[in-house]
C-alpha atoms as a PDB file:
ATOM      1  CA  UNK A   1     -31.733 -19.417  25.626  1.00  0.00           C
ATOM      2  CA  UNK A   2     -31.055 -22.979  24.597  1.00  0.00           C
ATOM      3  CA  UNK A   3     -34.003 -25.131  23.661  1.00  0.00           C
ATOM      4  CA  UNK A   4     -32.605 -28.381  24.972  1.00  0.00           C
ATOM      5  CA  UNK A   5     -32.787 -30.002  28.356  1.00  0.00           C
ATOM      6  CA  UNK A   6     -30.044 -29.157  30.815  1.00  0.00           C
ATOM      7  CA  UNK A   7     -27.419 -31.829  31.263  1.00  0.00           C
ATOM      8  CA  UNK A   8     -27.055 -32.608  34.989  1.00  0.00           C
ATOM      9  CA  UNK A   9     -23.437 -33.717  34.414  1.00  0.00           C
ATOM     10  CA  UNK A  10     -22.344 -30.354  32.983  1.00  0.00           C
ATOM     11  CA  UNK A  11     -21.610 -27.650  35.597  1.00  0.00           C
ATOM     12  CA  UNK A  12     -23.324 -24.286  35.111  1.00  0.00           C
ATOM     13  CA  UNK A  13     -21.372 -22.073  32.710  1.00  0.00           C
ATOM     14  CA  UNK A  14     -19.237 -24.962  31.397  1.00  0.00           C
ATOM     15  CA  UNK A  15     -19.036 -26.155  27.804  1.00  0.00           C
ATOM     16  CA  UNK A  16     -22.063 -28.274  26.984  1.00  0.00           C
ATOM     17  CA  UNK A  17     -20.984 -31.465  25.245  1.00  0.00           C
ATOM     18  CA  UNK A  18     -24.106 -31.480  23.062  1.00  0.00           C
ATOM     19  CA  UNK A  19     -23.319 -28.113  21.496  1.00  0.00           C
ATOM     20  CA  UNK A  20     -21.490 -28.082  18.155  1.00  0.00           C
ATOM     21  CA  UNK A  21     -18.004 -26.552  18.303  1.00  0.00           C
ATOM     22  CA  UNK A  22     -16.878 -23.917  15.822  1.00  0.00           C
ATOM     23  CA  UNK A  23     -13.711 -25.232  14.179  1.00  0.00           C
ATOM     24  CA  UNK A  24     -13.019 -21.963  12.340  1.00  0.00           C
ATOM     25  CA  UNK A  25     -14.710 -18.813  11.105  1.00  0.00           C
ATOM     26  CA  UNK A  26     -13.484 -15.889   9.034  1.00  0.00           C
ATOM     27  CA  UNK A  27     -14.693 -13.050   6.830  1.00  0.00           C
ATOM     28  CA  UNK A  28     -14.068 -12.870   3.084  1.00  0.00           C
ATOM     29  CA  UNK A  29     -14.948 -10.737   0.094  1.00  0.00           C
ATOM     30  CA  UNK A  30     -16.750 -13.755  -1.396  1.00  0.00           C
ATOM     31  CA  UNK A  31     -17.086 -17.493  -0.723  1.00  0.00           C
ATOM     32  CA  UNK A  32     -18.739 -20.555  -2.153  1.00  0.00           C
ATOM     33  CA  UNK A  33     -19.157 -23.089   0.625  1.00  0.00           C
ATOM     34  CA  UNK A  34     -21.878 -25.708   0.757  1.00  0.00           C
ATOM     35  CA  UNK A  35     -22.202 -28.458   3.356  1.00  0.00           C
ATOM     36  CA  UNK A  36     -20.278 -31.581   2.391  1.00  0.00           C
ATOM     37  CA  UNK A  37     -18.154 -29.886  -0.281  1.00  0.00           C
ATOM     38  CA  UNK A  38     -14.828 -28.128  -0.604  1.00  0.00           C
ATOM     39  CA  UNK A  39     -15.089 -24.380  -0.315  1.00  0.00           C
ATOM     40  CA  UNK A  40     -13.659 -21.548  -2.409  1.00  0.00           C
ATOM     41  CA  UNK A  41     -12.802 -18.121  -1.046  1.00  0.00           C
ATOM     42  CA  UNK A  42     -11.869 -14.806  -2.638  1.00  0.00           C
ATOM     43  CA  UNK A  43     -10.232 -12.245  -0.383  1.00  0.00           C
ATOM     44  CA  UNK A  44     -10.302 -14.328   2.812  1.00  0.00           C
ATOM     45  CA  UNK A  45      -9.245 -12.919   6.169  1.00  0.00           C
ATOM     46  CA  UNK A  46     -11.071  -9.587   6.018  1.00  0.00           C
ATOM     47  CA  UNK A  47     -10.699  -7.753   9.318  1.00  0.00           C
ATOM     48  CA  UNK A  48     -10.733  -4.136   8.169  1.00  0.00           C
ATOM     49  CA  UNK A  49     -12.769  -2.197   5.615  1.00  0.00           C
ATOM     50  CA  UNK A  50     -13.017   1.489   4.881  1.00  0.00           C
ATOM     51  CA  UNK A  51     -14.436   4.230   2.759  1.00  0.00           C
ATOM     52  CA  UNK A  52     -14.183   7.970   2.233  1.00  0.00           C
ATOM     53  CA  UNK A  53     -17.464   8.957   3.906  1.00  0.00           C
ATOM     54  CA  UNK A  54     -20.119   7.792   6.329  1.00  0.00           C
ATOM     55  CA  UNK A  55     -22.625   6.292   6.377  1.00  0.00           C
ATOM     56  CA  UNK A  56     -20.556   3.738   4.458  1.00  0.00           C
ATOM     57  CA  UNK A  57     -22.235   1.133   2.249  1.00  0.00           C
ATOM     58  CA  UNK A  58     -20.216  -2.040   1.785  1.00  0.00           C
ATOM     59  CA  UNK A  59     -21.581  -4.213  -1.020  1.00  0.00           C
ATOM     60  CA  UNK A  60     -20.837  -7.699   0.311  1.00  0.00           C
ATOM     61  CA  UNK A  61     -19.086  -9.756   2.988  1.00  0.00           C
ATOM     62  CA  UNK A  62     -19.138 -13.527   3.307  1.00  0.00           C
ATOM     63  CA  UNK A  63     -18.883 -15.178   6.709  1.00  0.00           C
ATOM     64  CA  UNK A  64     -17.303 -18.628   6.331  1.00  0.00           C
ATOM     65  CA  UNK A  65     -17.999 -20.997   9.233  1.00  0.00           C
ATOM     66  CA  UNK A  66     -16.996 -24.590   9.926  1.00  0.00           C
ATOM     67  CA  UNK A  67     -18.628 -26.469  12.793  1.00  0.00           C
ATOM     68  CA  UNK A  68     -17.905 -29.914  14.193  1.00  0.00           C
ATOM     69  CA  UNK A  69     -20.863 -32.001  15.260  1.00  0.00           C
ATOM     70  CA  UNK A  70     -20.213 -35.067  17.393  1.00  0.00           C
ATOM     71  CA  UNK A  71     -22.278 -38.258  17.515  1.00  0.00           C
ATOM     72  CA  UNK A  72     -23.970 -37.046  20.731  1.00  0.00           C
ATOM     73  CA  UNK A  73     -25.275 -34.028  18.751  1.00  0.00           C
ATOM     74  CA  UNK A  74     -26.648 -36.016  15.756  1.00  0.00           C
ATOM     75  CA  UNK A  75     -30.388 -35.965  15.106  1.00  0.00           C
ATOM     76  CA  UNK A  76     -30.789 -32.839  17.267  1.00  0.00           C
ATOM     77  CA  UNK A  77     -31.851 -29.492  15.893  1.00  0.00           C
ATOM     78  CA  UNK A  78     -29.282 -26.742  16.478  1.00  0.00           C
ATOM     79  CA  UNK A  79     -30.014 -23.055  16.070  1.00  0.00           C
ATOM     80  CA  UNK A  80     -27.282 -20.969  14.443  1.00  0.00           C
ATOM     81  CA  UNK A  81     -27.448 -17.188  14.418  1.00  0.00           C
ATOM     82  CA  UNK A  82     -25.094 -14.541  13.114  1.00  0.00           C
ATOM     83  CA  UNK A  83     -25.107 -10.900  14.203  1.00  0.00           C
ATOM     84  CA  UNK A  84     -23.125  -7.922  12.977  1.00  0.00           C
ATOM     85  CA  UNK A  85     -22.887  -5.312  15.722  1.00  0.00           C
ATOM     86  CA  UNK A  86     -21.716  -1.703  15.456  1.00  0.00           C
ATOM     87  CA  UNK A  87     -19.120  -0.267  17.812  1.00  0.00           C
ATOM     88  CA  UNK A  88     -21.961   1.123  19.964  1.00  0.00           C
ATOM     89  CA  UNK A  89     -23.625  -2.326  20.183  1.00  0.00           C
ATOM     90  CA  UNK A  90     -26.407  -1.547  17.687  1.00  0.00           C
ATOM     91  CA  UNK A  91     -27.374  -4.479  15.485  1.00  0.00           C
ATOM     92  CA  UNK A  92     -26.560  -3.838  11.816  1.00  0.00           C
ATOM     93  CA  UNK A  93     -27.471  -7.202  10.269  1.00  0.00           C
ATOM     94  CA  UNK A  94     -28.596 -10.668  11.337  1.00  0.00           C
ATOM     95  CA  UNK A  95     -29.084 -14.106   9.850  1.00  0.00           C
ATOM     96  CA  UNK A  96     -30.297 -17.346  11.417  1.00  0.00           C
ATOM     97  CA  UNK A  97     -30.852 -20.967  10.517  1.00  0.00           C
ATOM     98  CA  UNK A  98     -31.623 -24.315  12.106  1.00  0.00           C
ATOM     99  CA  UNK A  99     -29.693 -27.428  11.208  1.00  0.00           C
ATOM    100  CA  UNK A 100     -29.891 -31.100  12.046  1.00  0.00           C
ATOM    101  CA  UNK A 101     -26.841 -33.260  11.341  1.00  0.00           C
ATOM    102  CA  UNK A 102     -27.418 -36.914  10.614  1.00  0.00           C
ATOM    103  CA  UNK A 103     -23.796 -38.048  10.766  1.00  0.00           C
ATOM    104  CA  UNK A 104     -22.084 -41.076   9.341  1.00  0.00           C
ATOM    105  CA  UNK A 105     -22.961 -44.734   9.956  1.00  0.00           C
ATOM    106  CA  UNK A 106     -19.749 -45.240  11.958  1.00  0.00           C
ATOM    107  CA  UNK A 107     -20.669 -42.431  14.396  1.00  0.00           C
ATOM    108  CA  UNK A 108     -17.590 -40.310  13.708  1.00  0.00           C
ATOM    109  CA  UNK A 109     -17.693 -36.520  13.998  1.00  0.00           C
ATOM    110  CA  UNK A 110     -19.152 -34.549  11.107  1.00  0.00           C
ATOM    111  CA  UNK A 111     -17.753 -31.215   9.925  1.00  0.00           C
ATOM    112  CA  UNK A 112     -20.061 -28.770   8.165  1.00  0.00           C
ATOM    113  CA  UNK A 113     -18.562 -25.772   6.370  1.00  0.00           C
ATOM    114  CA  UNK A 114     -20.821 -23.101   4.903  1.00  0.00           C
ATOM    115  CA  UNK A 115     -20.892 -19.420   3.973  1.00  0.00           C
ATOM    116  CA  UNK A 116     -23.388 -16.762   5.028  1.00  0.00           C
ATOM    117  CA  UNK A 117     -23.677 -13.797   2.645  1.00  0.00           C
ATOM    118  CA  UNK A 118     -24.256 -10.280   3.986  1.00  0.00           C
ATOM    119  CA  UNK A 119     -25.251  -7.836   1.241  1.00  0.00           C
ATOM    120  CA  UNK A 120     -25.359  -4.027   1.147  1.00  0.00           C
ATOM    121  CA  UNK A 121     -24.149  -3.421   4.697  1.00  0.00           C
ATOM    122  CA  UNK A 122     -24.540   0.105   6.092  1.00  0.00           C
ATOM    123  CA  UNK A 123     -22.002   1.368   8.643  1.00  0.00           C
ATOM    124  CA  UNK A 124     -23.040   4.650  10.277  1.00  0.00           C
ATOM    125  CA  UNK A 125     -19.607   5.491  11.683  1.00  0.00           C
ATOM    126  CA  UNK A 126     -16.034   4.229  11.813  1.00  0.00           C
ATOM    127  CA  UNK A 127     -15.087   2.011  14.752  1.00  0.00           C
ATOM    128  CA  UNK A 128     -14.600  -1.511  16.037  1.00  0.00           C
ATOM    129  CA  UNK A 129     -17.538  -3.615  14.871  1.00  0.00           C
ATOM    130  CA  UNK A 130     -17.925  -7.371  15.343  1.00  0.00           C
ATOM    131  CA  UNK A 131     -19.618 -10.439  13.957  1.00  0.00           C
ATOM    132  CA  UNK A 132     -21.060 -12.695  16.667  1.00  0.00           C
ATOM    133  CA  UNK A 133     -21.730 -16.379  15.988  1.00  0.00           C
ATOM    134  CA  UNK A 134     -24.215 -18.053  18.328  1.00  0.00           C
ATOM    135  CA  UNK A 135     -25.028 -21.754  18.603  1.00  0.00           C
ATOM    136  CA  UNK A 136     -28.201 -22.667  20.483  1.00  0.00           C
ATOM    137  CA  UNK A 137     -28.357 -19.124  21.852  1.00  0.00           C
ATOM    138  CA  UNK A 138     -24.798 -19.128  23.232  1.00  0.00           C
ATOM    139  CA  UNK A 139     -22.080 -16.940  21.716  1.00  0.00           C
ATOM    140  CA  UNK A 140     -19.357 -19.301  20.460  1.00  0.00           C
ATOM    141  CA  UNK A 141     -17.187 -17.021  18.312  1.00  0.00           C
ATOM    142  CA  UNK A 142     -16.571 -13.305  17.827  1.00  0.00           C
ATOM    143  CA  UNK A 143     -14.846 -11.844  14.762  1.00  0.00           C
ATOM    144  CA  UNK A 144     -13.611  -8.239  14.871  1.00  0.00           C
ATOM    145  CA  UNK A 145     -14.227  -5.916  11.926  1.00  0.00           C
ATOM    146  CA  UNK A 146     -12.600  -2.495  12.038  1.00  0.00           C
ATOM    147  CA  UNK A 147     -14.303   0.128   9.876  1.00  0.00           C
ATOM    148  CA  UNK A 148     -12.134   3.149   9.015  1.00  0.00           C
ATOM    149  CA  UNK A 149     -12.343   6.386   7.070  1.00  0.00           C
ATOM    150  CA  UNK A 150     -10.044   6.019   4.085  1.00  0.00           C
ATOM    151  CA  UNK A 151      -9.660   7.664   0.713  1.00  0.00           C
ATOM    152  CA  UNK A 152      -8.823   4.245  -0.771  1.00  0.00           C
ATOM    153  CA  UNK A 153     -12.038   2.488   0.354  1.00  0.00           C
ATOM    154  CA  UNK A 154     -12.717  -1.244   0.107  1.00  0.00           C
ATOM    155  CA  UNK A 155     -10.903  -3.945   2.008  1.00  0.00           C
ATOM    156  CA  UNK A 156      -7.792  -2.505   3.593  1.00  0.00           C
ATOM    157  CA  UNK A 157      -4.458  -4.383   3.473  1.00  0.00           C
ATOM    158  CA  UNK A 158      -2.400  -4.712   6.628  1.00  0.00           C
ATOM    159  CA  UNK A 159       0.664  -2.469   6.580  1.00  0.00           C
ATOM    160  CA  UNK A 160       3.611  -2.538   8.961  1.00  0.00           C
ATOM    161  CA  UNK A 161       4.296   0.475  11.187  1.00  0.00           C
ATOM    162  CA  UNK A 162       6.643   3.085   9.634  1.00  0.00           C
ATOM    163  CA  UNK A 163      10.260   1.875   9.621  1.00  0.00           C
ATOM    164  CA  UNK A 164       9.354  -1.819  10.041  1.00  0.00           C
ATOM    165  CA  UNK A 165       8.986  -4.625   7.541  1.00  0.00           C
ATOM    166  CA  UNK A 166       7.098  -7.879   7.891  1.00  0.00           C
ATOM    167  CA  UNK A 167       9.336 -10.823   7.231  1.00  0.00           C
ATOM    168  CA  UNK A 168       8.369 -14.351   6.329  1.00  0.00           C
END
């Protein structure tokens, strides 16, 4: 549940104007992203991983997130939480943090980009897993992660169906 007062001008279930918006989020093999800086990514756009046997241990995934905070949201504490869920809904890993954005003197929006590292992840079975990103207790973004049985292991490249080619 959100820890802020309800806004009488926002209808129930509607977007709350005092909640930061997620500009983008994606999974990568590795990332270096600190607030207020450029970010670097290795192997960005991970949506599928695999291995030859289960339970599967994956050494590392980075979740890169960029949020936009408006002047109305400055000087307020916002709770961010990140959850990796298995295909059956079981929680595999979590992370959480609180942030307070102070903004710029001119009151313009502030964008914060950061990376959350998930180490030594254990997947019990193949299937459609997902990362959930919550802001102030409300799910704001969901990233799919397909886990497959594969003799190659690691991050799996996308391949076209037999007889088709991807063209640029």
